[in-house]
Amino acid sequence: MTACARWFFLAALLWTPSWADPPAADPTEAPAQGPIPPAAPVPKTGLSKWFNPATAPFIPVPEIAVDPDSGTTLGLIPTWIKTDDNHEIRRIIAPDVLYNPYFGYGVHGRVYGYTSGDEQWSVVAGVKERVEREFEAEYQLGRQRLQRWSINTSLISDRDGTPRFYGIGNESPAIAETNYTNQQQRAQVQVGLNLTHAWQLQYTGRFQLVDVLPGTLEKIASLETRFGRILGVGTNKQLLNRLAVVYDTRDDLVVPSRGMQLIAYAGLASRNGLLNDSMYSETGGDGRAFWPVALNTILVAHTAIRYLPTSHDVPFWALSNIGGGDSVVGGEQPLRGFGSGRFYDRDSFSSSLELRRKVFSFDATSTFVDIEVTPFIDVGRVFARTSTLPFDQLHRVYGVGFRGIARPFVVGYVDIGYGTEGVAAFTGLNYPF
């Protein structure tokens, strides 16, 4: 899902109306005796209609999205939820109307389909008054690796006005902050050959067309005014071919409680074609492990390292980077006290530790919701030489996360981290790793 994904899933689950899944009558219950008192009148008009789950035509979910780069976005998401007989979510339709201080008013349309644990799909489209627009479609089949093949395809067309660039290197100063507009089209396919339930050989093919345009945010210098024609400004094409070996013993893909996932990969990125005019080669690893350490308590560790053994005229946005709240295999890595892409260089190292503690659970009418409190530590750095020790001169972030979980498919989060540049907060869907 895109970075603008919100926590509306969780909020919708907390207020799923009774008409979404009416309770079945108990056949063993004796019929009531005597006169039946008249039912209390249900208001049909006025504001009370919209705040009563029994009468609201949809769930009016408030939208609050927080990010150190894009600021605070406020809006309203009228949400329709469809569940099955087992009270599991099968479809969510969630358009919105919002306001962002940088880009004005905007609208989105969202449809998420959970056909089964093995098959899922989504379509998201949106536009704001100024600068930003987006479209994303994704389809996944074979997620549980029960058959021979697993497939994940996605299409993205996006224009984002929030990215920052501070220069290259692990000590790039905050005073060098600049802004640019990232306009991209991307098509990606991942095909996994499931050798066993745990072992998979995975191919990733990705084509990107990226335009780095002048920034539009007031009081923040545009990238080209400070860094000139740095590699990556203007229009660039990239074709990535990556091969990975995956070992995965997690007991659940969305809400794992034990097991591990280990990924070793190597790839080649070029401007055109499969082998000609190579921009860079890459190799790296990504690992995450889950240990139940006490009742309702899970210790989670994540480590990622990426090297570019050869590189020729690599756009800055294709370099290794750390910062933000998300982890992408072979891409950006979390450092939750800083904005996305805070530090760029040729190679990168990132590691995180979380203690996920379920503090309480409750019945939200159509599903059951767990609430977690999660203290965490993130460390990481970028570096230019392969000989550099990855564990030296690390940036450190300490923080706490709050997560709402509606099994089997939905995790909403708020993560708040503190680093050397102050406090940063992130909201979104799914665990960071």
Protein backbone atom coordinates (compact mmCIF):
# COMPACT_ATOMS: atom_id res chain seq x y z
CA MET A 1 0.00 0.00 0.00
CA THR A 2 1.11 3.56 -0.52
CA ALA A 3 2.60 5.77 2.16
CA CYS A 4 -0.67 7.68 2.41
CA ALA A 5 -2.54 4.62 3.68
CA ARG A 6 -4.35 5.55 6.89
CA TRP A 7 -5.57 3.92 10.06
CA PHE A 8 -9.20 4.06 8.93
CA PHE A 9 -9.39 0.26 8.89
CA LEU A 10 -8.95 0.20 12.65
CA ALA A 11 -11.35 3.05 13.28
CA ALA A 12 -13.96 1.41 11.07
CA LEU A 13 -13.61 -1.87 12.90
CA LEU A 14 -14.16 -0.17 16.23
CA TRP A 15 -17.52 1.04 15.02
CA THR A 16 -18.82 -1.59 12.64
CA PRO A 17 -22.61 -1.21 12.80
CA SER A 18 -24.91 -4.00 13.84
CA TRP A 19 -26.40 -4.23 10.36
CA ALA A 20 -23.07 -5.39 8.94
CA ASP A 21 -23.51 -8.81 10.58
CA PRO A 22 -26.88 -9.22 12.35
CA PRO A 23 -26.70 -11.71 15.23
CA ALA A 24 -28.30 -15.07 14.58
CA ALA A 25 -31.26 -16.11 16.72
CA ASP A 26 -30.56 -18.74 19.40
CA PRO A 27 -32.79 -21.76 18.57
CA THR A 28 -32.60 -23.04 22.16
CA GLU A 29 -33.91 -19.84 23.66
CA ALA A 30 -37.50 -20.02 24.88
CA PRO A 31 -39.93 -17.55 23.35
CA ALA A 32 -40.68 -14.53 25.42
CA GLN A 33 -43.87 -14.71 27.49
CA GLY A 34 -46.43 -11.99 27.97
CA PRO A 35 -46.83 -8.76 26.09
CA ILE A 36 -43.76 -7.52 24.23
CA PRO A 37 -43.01 -3.90 24.98
CA PRO A 38 -42.80 -1.66 21.96
CA ALA A 39 -39.31 -1.09 20.59
CA ALA A 40 -37.75 2.25 21.27
CA PRO A 41 -38.15 4.56 18.31
CA VAL A 42 -35.08 4.80 16.09
CA PRO A 43 -34.34 8.32 14.93
CA LYS A 44 -34.50 8.59 11.16
CA THR A 45 -33.36 12.15 10.68
CA GLY A 46 -30.99 14.64 12.22
CA LEU A 47 -27.39 14.32 13.33
CA SER A 48 -28.18 11.41 15.65
CA LYS A 49 -28.79 9.23 12.57
CA TRP A 50 -25.15 9.57 11.55
CA PHE A 51 -23.72 8.71 14.96
CA ASN A 52 -25.93 5.69 15.64
CA PRO A 53 -24.36 2.48 14.22
CA ALA A 54 -27.83 0.97 13.79
CA THR A 55 -29.06 3.73 11.48
CA ALA A 56 -26.01 5.28 9.80
CA PRO A 57 -25.93 4.55 6.04
CA PHE A 58 -22.15 4.11 6.35
CA ILE A 59 -19.47 4.41 9.01
CA PRO A 60 -18.26 8.06 9.19
CA VAL A 61 -14.62 7.54 10.15
CA PRO A 62 -12.50 10.61 10.99
CA GLU A 63 -9.18 10.67 9.11
CA ILE A 64 -6.02 11.72 10.94
CA ALA A 65 -2.73 11.09 9.14
CA VAL A 66 0.59 12.21 10.62
CA ASP A 67 3.97 12.29 8.90
CA PRO A 68 7.04 14.51 9.50
CA ASP A 69 7.25 15.38 5.78
CA SER A 70 3.60 15.80 4.77
CA GLY A 71 2.34 17.25 8.07
CA THR A 72 -1.09 16.47 9.52
CA THR A 73 -3.90 15.55 7.12
CA LEU A 74 -7.49 15.77 8.38
CA GLY A 75 -10.60 14.44 6.72
CA LEU A 76 -13.63 12.17 6.76
CA ILE A 77 -13.84 8.63 5.37
CA PRO A 78 -17.34 7.21 4.80
CA THR A 79 -16.63 3.47 5.05
CA TRP A 80 -18.59 0.40 3.98
CA ILE A 81 -17.44 -2.97 5.36
CA LYS A 82 -18.55 -6.39 4.12
CA THR A 83 -17.89 -9.43 6.32
CA ASP A 84 -18.61 -13.12 5.91
CA ASP A 85 -20.43 -15.58 8.17
CA ASN A 86 -17.27 -15.97 10.27
CA HIS A 87 -17.11 -12.20 10.91
CA GLU A 88 -13.96 -11.87 8.77
CA ILE A 89 -13.60 -8.79 6.57
CA ARG A 90 -13.99 -9.54 2.85
CA ARG A 91 -14.25 -6.06 1.34
CA ILE A 92 -13.78 -2.44 2.40
CA ILE A 93 -14.95 0.53 0.33
CA ALA A 94 -13.56 3.76 1.72
CA PRO A 95 -13.58 7.05 -0.24
CA ASP A 96 -12.57 10.21 1.60
CA VAL A 97 -12.60 14.00 1.61
CA LEU A 98 -9.54 15.57 3.23
CA TYR A 99 -7.49 18.69 3.79
CA ASN A 100 -3.70 18.98 3.85
CA PRO A 101 -2.02 22.32 4.69
CA TYR A 102 0.51 21.91 1.85
CA PHE A 103 -1.75 20.74 -0.98
CA GLY A 104 -5.29 21.84 -0.09
CA TYR A 105 -8.47 19.78 -0.33
CA GLY A 106 -8.53 16.34 -1.90
CA VAL A 107 -10.55 13.18 -2.50
CA HIS A 108 -9.73 9.48 -2.71
CA GLY A 109 -11.48 6.29 -3.72
CA ARG A 110 -10.38 3.00 -2.16
CA VAL A 111 -11.52 -0.60 -2.55
CA TYR A 112 -9.79 -3.44 -0.69
CA GLY A 113 -10.73 -7.05 -1.41
CA TYR A 114 -9.81 -9.93 0.90
CA THR A 115 -10.98 -12.90 -1.16
CA SER A 116 -9.13 -15.28 1.15
CA GLY A 117 -5.89 -15.53 3.08
CA ASP A 118 -4.31 -16.67 -0.18
CA GLU A 119 -5.76 -14.01 -2.52
CA GLN A 120 -6.07 -10.24 -2.02
CA TRP A 121 -6.38 -7.13 -4.19
CA SER A 122 -6.74 -3.36 -3.87
CA VAL A 123 -7.34 -0.23 -5.96
CA VAL A 124 -6.62 3.29 -4.69
CA ALA A 125 -6.94 6.59 -6.60
CA GLY A 126 -6.84 10.19 -5.41
CA VAL A 127 -6.16 13.83 -6.25
CA LYS A 128 -5.57 17.05 -4.30
CA GLU A 129 -6.07 20.68 -5.25
CA ARG A 130 -2.36 21.24 -5.80
CA VAL A 131 0.50 19.04 -7.02
CA GLU A 132 -0.45 15.58 -5.74
CA ARG A 133 -2.31 12.73 -7.41
CA GLU A 134 -2.04 8.96 -7.17
CA PHE A 135 -3.22 5.63 -8.54
CA GLU A 136 -2.25 2.20 -7.27
CA ALA A 137 -3.56 -1.27 -8.07
CA GLU A 138 -2.23 -4.49 -6.55
CA TYR A 139 -3.13 -8.17 -6.89
CA GLN A 140 -1.69 -11.04 -4.82
CA LEU A 141 -2.23 -14.76 -5.35
CA GLY A 142 -0.54 -17.61 -3.51
CA ARG A 143 0.31 -15.57 -0.43
CA GLN A 144 0.29 -18.63 1.83
CA ARG A 145 2.60 -20.61 -0.49
CA LEU A 146 0.23 -23.59 -0.54
CA GLN A 147 0.61 -24.09 -4.32
CA ARG A 148 3.67 -24.25 -6.59
CA TRP A 149 3.59 -20.56 -7.60
CA SER A 150 3.00 -17.23 -5.83
CA ILE A 151 2.38 -13.99 -7.77
CA ASN A 152 2.25 -10.33 -6.73
CA THR A 153 1.66 -7.62 -9.35
CA SER A 154 1.26 -3.87 -8.94
CA LEU A 155 0.83 -0.71 -11.01
CA ILE A 156 1.56 2.77 -9.61
CA SER A 157 1.22 6.26 -11.04
CA ASP A 158 2.04 8.85 -8.42
CA ARG A 159 2.91 12.53 -8.06
CA ASP A 160 4.22 13.31 -4.55
CA GLY A 161 5.14 16.80 -3.39
CA THR A 162 6.54 15.92 0.05
CA PRO A 163 9.98 14.23 -0.48
CA ARG A 164 13.05 15.78 1.14
CA PHE A 165 16.72 15.58 0.20
CA TYR A 166 19.61 16.60 2.48
CA GLY A 167 22.57 15.48 0.41
CA ILE A 168 24.60 12.28 0.29
CA GLY A 169 26.22 10.72 3.35
CA ASN A 170 25.62 9.56 6.88
CA GLU A 171 26.19 13.03 8.33
CA SER A 172 24.15 15.10 5.87
CA PRO A 173 23.04 18.12 7.96
CA ALA A 174 19.44 19.01 8.71
CA ILE A 175 20.18 22.60 7.66
CA ALA A 176 20.66 21.34 4.07
CA GLU A 177 16.99 20.31 3.79
CA THR A 178 15.45 20.65 0.33
CA ASN A 179 12.17 19.61 -1.24
CA TYR A 180 11.36 18.12 -4.64
CA THR A 181 8.35 16.72 -6.48
CA ASN A 182 8.57 13.03 -7.32
CA GLN A 183 6.48 11.95 -10.29
CA GLN A 184 6.70 8.28 -11.17
CA GLN A 185 5.08 5.43 -13.05
CA ARG A 186 5.99 1.93 -11.92
CA ALA A 187 5.04 -1.60 -12.93
CA GLN A 188 6.25 -4.53 -10.87
CA VAL A 189 5.80 -8.29 -10.87
CA GLN A 190 7.05 -10.80 -8.30
CA VAL A 191 6.91 -14.50 -9.10
CA GLY A 192 7.79 -17.04 -6.44
CA LEU A 193 8.58 -20.71 -7.05
CA ASN A 194 7.62 -22.49 -3.83
CA LEU A 195 10.14 -25.28 -3.41
CA THR A 196 8.59 -26.18 -0.05
CA HIS A 197 6.22 -24.34 2.27
CA ALA A 198 9.25 -22.60 3.84
CA TRP A 199 11.65 -22.22 0.88
CA GLN A 200 10.93 -20.00 -2.12
CA LEU A 201 12.93 -18.84 -5.14
CA GLN A 202 11.62 -15.37 -6.05
CA TYR A 203 12.07 -13.18 -9.14
CA THR A 204 11.25 -9.45 -9.09
CA GLY A 205 10.95 -7.39 -12.26
CA ARG A 206 10.33 -3.65 -11.96
CA PHE A 207 10.17 -0.83 -14.50
CA GLN A 208 10.18 2.76 -13.27
CA LEU A 209 9.90 6.08 -15.05
CA VAL A 210 10.81 8.80 -12.53
CA ASP A 211 10.65 12.58 -12.99
CA VAL A 212 12.33 14.63 -10.24
CA LEU A 213 10.76 18.08 -10.53
CA PRO A 214 11.21 21.33 -8.56
CA GLY A 215 9.78 21.45 -5.05
CA THR A 216 6.62 23.37 -4.23
CA LEU A 217 6.68 23.72 -0.41
CA GLU A 218 6.96 27.22 1.02
CA LYS A 219 9.98 28.06 3.19
CA ILE A 220 11.87 24.95 2.03
CA ALA A 221 14.47 25.33 -0.72
CA SER A 222 13.89 23.41 -3.93
CA LEU A 223 16.45 20.65 -4.50
CA GLU A 224 18.07 22.11 -7.63
CA THR A 225 18.73 25.48 -5.94
CA ARG A 226 21.10 23.83 -3.44
CA PHE A 227 22.37 20.70 -5.19
CA GLY A 228 22.18 21.77 -8.86
CA ARG A 229 21.91 19.01 -11.48
CA ILE A 230 22.64 16.15 -9.11
CA LEU A 231 22.21 12.73 -10.73
CA GLY A 232 18.53 11.87 -10.66
CA VAL A 233 17.09 15.33 -11.38
CA GLY A 234 14.90 15.31 -14.47
CA THR A 235 13.60 12.17 -16.17
CA ASN A 236 15.18 8.76 -15.54
CA LYS A 237 14.24 5.20 -16.50
CA GLN A 238 15.15 2.12 -14.53
CA LEU A 239 14.63 -1.60 -15.18
CA LEU A 240 15.40 -3.81 -12.18
CA ASN A 241 15.83 -7.57 -12.27
CA ARG A 242 16.30 -9.22 -8.88
CA LEU A 243 16.58 -12.83 -7.77
CA ALA A 244 16.03 -13.79 -4.12
CA VAL A 245 16.09 -16.89 -1.96
CA VAL A 246 13.42 -16.75 0.77
CA TYR A 247 13.17 -18.87 3.91
CA ASP A 248 9.94 -18.20 5.80
CA THR A 249 8.61 -20.07 8.85
CA ARG A 250 6.31 -17.36 10.25
CA ASP A 251 3.03 -18.69 11.59
CA ASP A 252 1.07 -15.82 9.99
CA LEU A 253 1.84 -13.33 7.20
CA VAL A 254 -0.01 -10.33 8.69
CA VAL A 255 0.17 -10.89 12.46
CA PRO A 256 3.07 -13.30 13.08
CA SER A 257 3.79 -14.47 16.63
CA ARG A 258 6.68 -16.88 16.04
CA GLY A 259 9.11 -18.00 13.35
CA MET A 260 11.37 -16.03 11.01
CA GLN A 261 11.78 -14.75 7.47
CA LEU A 262 15.25 -14.61 5.89
CA ILE A 263 15.85 -13.16 2.42
CA ALA A 264 19.11 -13.06 0.43
CA TYR A 265 18.97 -11.24 -2.91
CA ALA A 266 21.04 -9.95 -5.82
CA GLY A 267 19.98 -7.77 -8.71
CA LEU A 268 20.92 -5.63 -11.67
CA ALA A 269 19.40 -2.28 -12.63
CA SER A 270 19.78 -0.80 -16.10
CA ARG A 271 18.35 2.09 -18.07
CA ASN A 272 17.09 0.00 -20.98
CA GLY A 273 17.04 -3.72 -21.67
CA LEU A 274 18.17 -6.58 -19.50
CA LEU A 275 21.97 -6.28 -19.59
CA ASN A 276 23.02 -3.11 -21.39
CA ASP A 277 24.01 0.21 -19.82
CA SER A 278 23.90 -1.04 -16.23
CA MET A 279 23.41 1.61 -13.55
CA TYR A 280 24.24 -0.64 -10.63
CA SER A 281 24.37 -4.13 -9.25
CA GLU A 282 22.97 -4.85 -5.80
CA THR A 283 23.22 -7.52 -3.16
CA GLY A 284 21.83 -7.70 0.33
CA GLY A 285 19.89 -9.46 3.00
CA ASP A 286 16.77 -8.89 5.06
CA GLY A 287 15.81 -10.85 8.17
CA ARG A 288 13.08 -10.68 10.79
CA ALA A 289 12.44 -13.00 13.73
CA PHE A 290 9.58 -13.40 16.24
CA TRP A 291 9.96 -14.91 19.71
CA PRO A 292 7.10 -15.30 22.24
CA VAL A 293 8.80 -14.31 25.51
CA ALA A 294 5.78 -14.21 27.83
CA LEU A 295 2.00 -14.39 27.74
CA ASN A 296 0.72 -11.90 25.11
CA THR A 297 4.28 -10.60 24.59
CA ILE A 298 6.44 -11.04 21.47
CA LEU A 299 10.02 -9.87 20.92
CA VAL A 300 10.60 -8.91 17.28
CA ALA A 301 13.96 -8.20 15.62
CA HIS A 302 14.65 -6.91 12.09
CA THR A 303 17.94 -6.36 10.27
CA ALA A 304 18.62 -5.29 6.68
CA ILE A 305 21.83 -4.61 4.80
CA ARG A 306 22.27 -3.53 1.17
CA TYR A 307 25.38 -3.06 -0.99
CA LEU A 308 25.87 -1.67 -4.50
CA PRO A 309 29.06 -3.49 -5.61
CA THR A 310 29.14 -1.62 -8.94
CA SER A 311 27.48 1.69 -9.73
CA HIS A 312 27.55 4.02 -12.74
CA ASP A 313 25.64 7.29 -12.74
CA VAL A 314 23.08 6.11 -10.18
CA PRO A 315 20.20 8.54 -9.52
CA PHE A 316 20.19 9.70 -5.91
CA TRP A 317 16.71 8.23 -5.35
CA ALA A 318 17.99 4.74 -6.31
CA LEU A 319 20.75 4.76 -3.68
CA SER A 320 20.35 2.95 -0.38
CA ASN A 321 18.47 5.02 2.20
CA ILE A 322 17.13 4.96 5.74
CA GLY A 323 14.41 7.02 7.43
CA GLY A 324 10.67 6.93 7.92
CA GLY A 325 8.36 4.24 9.22
CA ASP A 326 8.40 1.50 6.55
CA SER A 327 10.67 -1.39 5.61
CA VAL A 328 10.98 -2.46 1.95
CA VAL A 329 13.17 -5.40 1.00
CA GLY A 330 16.00 -3.95 -1.11
CA GLY A 331 14.67 -0.43 -0.53
CA GLU A 332 14.03 2.11 2.21
CA GLN A 333 14.50 1.02 5.84
CA PRO A 334 12.91 2.39 9.03
CA LEU A 335 14.42 5.05 11.28
CA ARG A 336 11.32 6.34 13.01
CA GLY A 337 12.76 9.55 14.44
CA PHE A 338 13.37 10.96 10.94
CA GLY A 339 11.37 11.49 7.77
CA SER A 340 11.41 9.10 4.83
CA GLY A 341 14.73 8.99 2.95
CA ARG A 342 16.56 11.12 5.52
CA PHE A 343 20.00 9.59 4.75
CA TYR A 344 21.23 8.44 1.31
CA ASP A 345 24.43 6.73 0.20
CA ARG A 346 25.70 3.76 -1.78
CA ASP A 347 25.24 1.15 1.00
CA SER A 348 23.07 0.92 4.11
CA PHE A 349 22.53 -0.97 7.36
CA SER A 350 19.40 -0.95 9.51
CA SER A 351 18.28 -2.84 12.61
CA SER A 352 15.22 -2.62 14.86
CA LEU A 353 13.95 -4.27 18.02
CA GLU A 354 10.32 -4.20 19.21
CA LEU A 355 8.51 -5.64 22.22
CA ARG A 356 4.89 -6.15 21.12
CA ARG A 357 2.69 -6.42 24.20
CA LYS A 358 -1.07 -7.00 23.94
CA VAL A 359 -2.64 -4.91 26.69
CA PHE A 360 -6.33 -5.66 26.12
CA SER A 361 -8.87 -6.98 23.62
CA PHE A 362 -12.53 -6.26 22.99
CA ASP A 363 -15.43 -7.30 20.80
CA ALA A 364 -16.12 -4.67 18.13
CA THR A 365 -19.49 -6.13 17.05
CA SER A 366 -18.37 -7.76 13.78
CA THR A 367 -14.80 -8.68 14.73
CA PHE A 368 -12.44 -8.94 17.67
CA VAL A 369 -9.77 -6.24 18.16
CA ASP A 370 -6.44 -6.52 20.01
CA ILE A 371 -4.61 -3.41 21.23
CA GLU A 372 -0.80 -3.54 21.48
CA VAL A 373 1.70 -1.18 23.09
CA THR A 374 5.17 -1.54 21.56
CA PRO A 375 8.37 0.12 22.80
CA PHE A 376 11.02 0.03 20.05
CA ILE A 377 14.61 0.92 19.16
CA ASP A 378 15.81 1.66 15.61
CA VAL A 379 19.46 2.03 14.57
CA GLY A 380 20.98 2.52 11.14
CA ARG A 381 23.50 4.22 8.92
CA VAL A 382 24.49 4.71 5.27
CA PHE A 383 28.05 4.49 3.92
CA ALA A 384 29.99 4.80 0.67
CA ARG A 385 32.63 2.05 0.94
CA THR A 386 32.13 -1.69 1.22
CA SER A 387 34.98 -1.87 3.73
CA THR A 388 33.14 0.39 6.20
CA LEU A 389 32.02 -1.28 9.43
CA PRO A 390 28.17 -1.16 9.27
CA PHE A 391 27.79 -1.06 13.08
CA ASP A 392 29.81 2.13 13.63
CA GLN A 393 28.42 5.70 13.85
CA LEU A 394 24.82 4.53 14.03
CA HIS A 395 21.84 6.86 14.19
CA ARG A 396 19.56 5.85 17.07
CA VAL A 397 15.84 6.28 17.62
CA TYR A 398 13.82 5.36 20.73
CA GLY A 399 10.06 5.28 20.70
CA VAL A 400 6.74 3.62 21.37
CA GLY A 401 4.06 2.30 19.05
CA PHE A 402 0.33 1.70 19.45
CA ARG A 403 -1.25 -0.94 17.23
CA GLY A 404 -4.83 -2.11 16.67
CA ILE A 405 -5.24 -5.60 15.19
CA ALA A 406 -8.34 -7.12 13.62
CA ARG A 407 -7.35 -10.61 12.59
CA PRO A 408 -6.70 -12.02 10.12
CA PHE A 409 -5.92 -9.17 7.70
CA VAL A 410 -5.79 -5.72 9.34
CA VAL A 411 -3.18 -3.93 11.46
CA GLY A 412 -3.38 -0.17 12.09
CA TYR A 413 -0.53 1.66 13.81
CA VAL A 414 0.70 4.90 15.33
CA ASP A 415 4.49 4.99 15.93
CA ILE A 416 6.20 7.87 17.75
CA GLY A 417 10.00 8.03 17.73
CA TYR A 418 12.65 10.37 19.12
CA GLY A 419 16.02 10.95 17.44
CA THR A 420 18.69 13.63 17.28
CA GLU A 421 16.41 15.89 15.23
CA GLY A 422 13.42 15.64 17.56
CA VAL A 423 10.14 13.73 17.57
CA ALA A 424 8.51 12.14 14.52
CA ALA A 425 5.15 10.37 14.29
CA PHE A 426 3.81 7.96 11.67
CA THR A 427 0.40 6.41 11.04
CA GLY A 428 -0.54 3.70 8.57
CA LEU A 429 -1.37 0.06 7.92
CA ASN A 430 0.57 -3.13 8.62
CA TYR A 431 3.58 -3.63 10.84
CA PRO A 432 6.75 -1.74 9.84
CA PHE A 433 8.43 -5.15 9.42
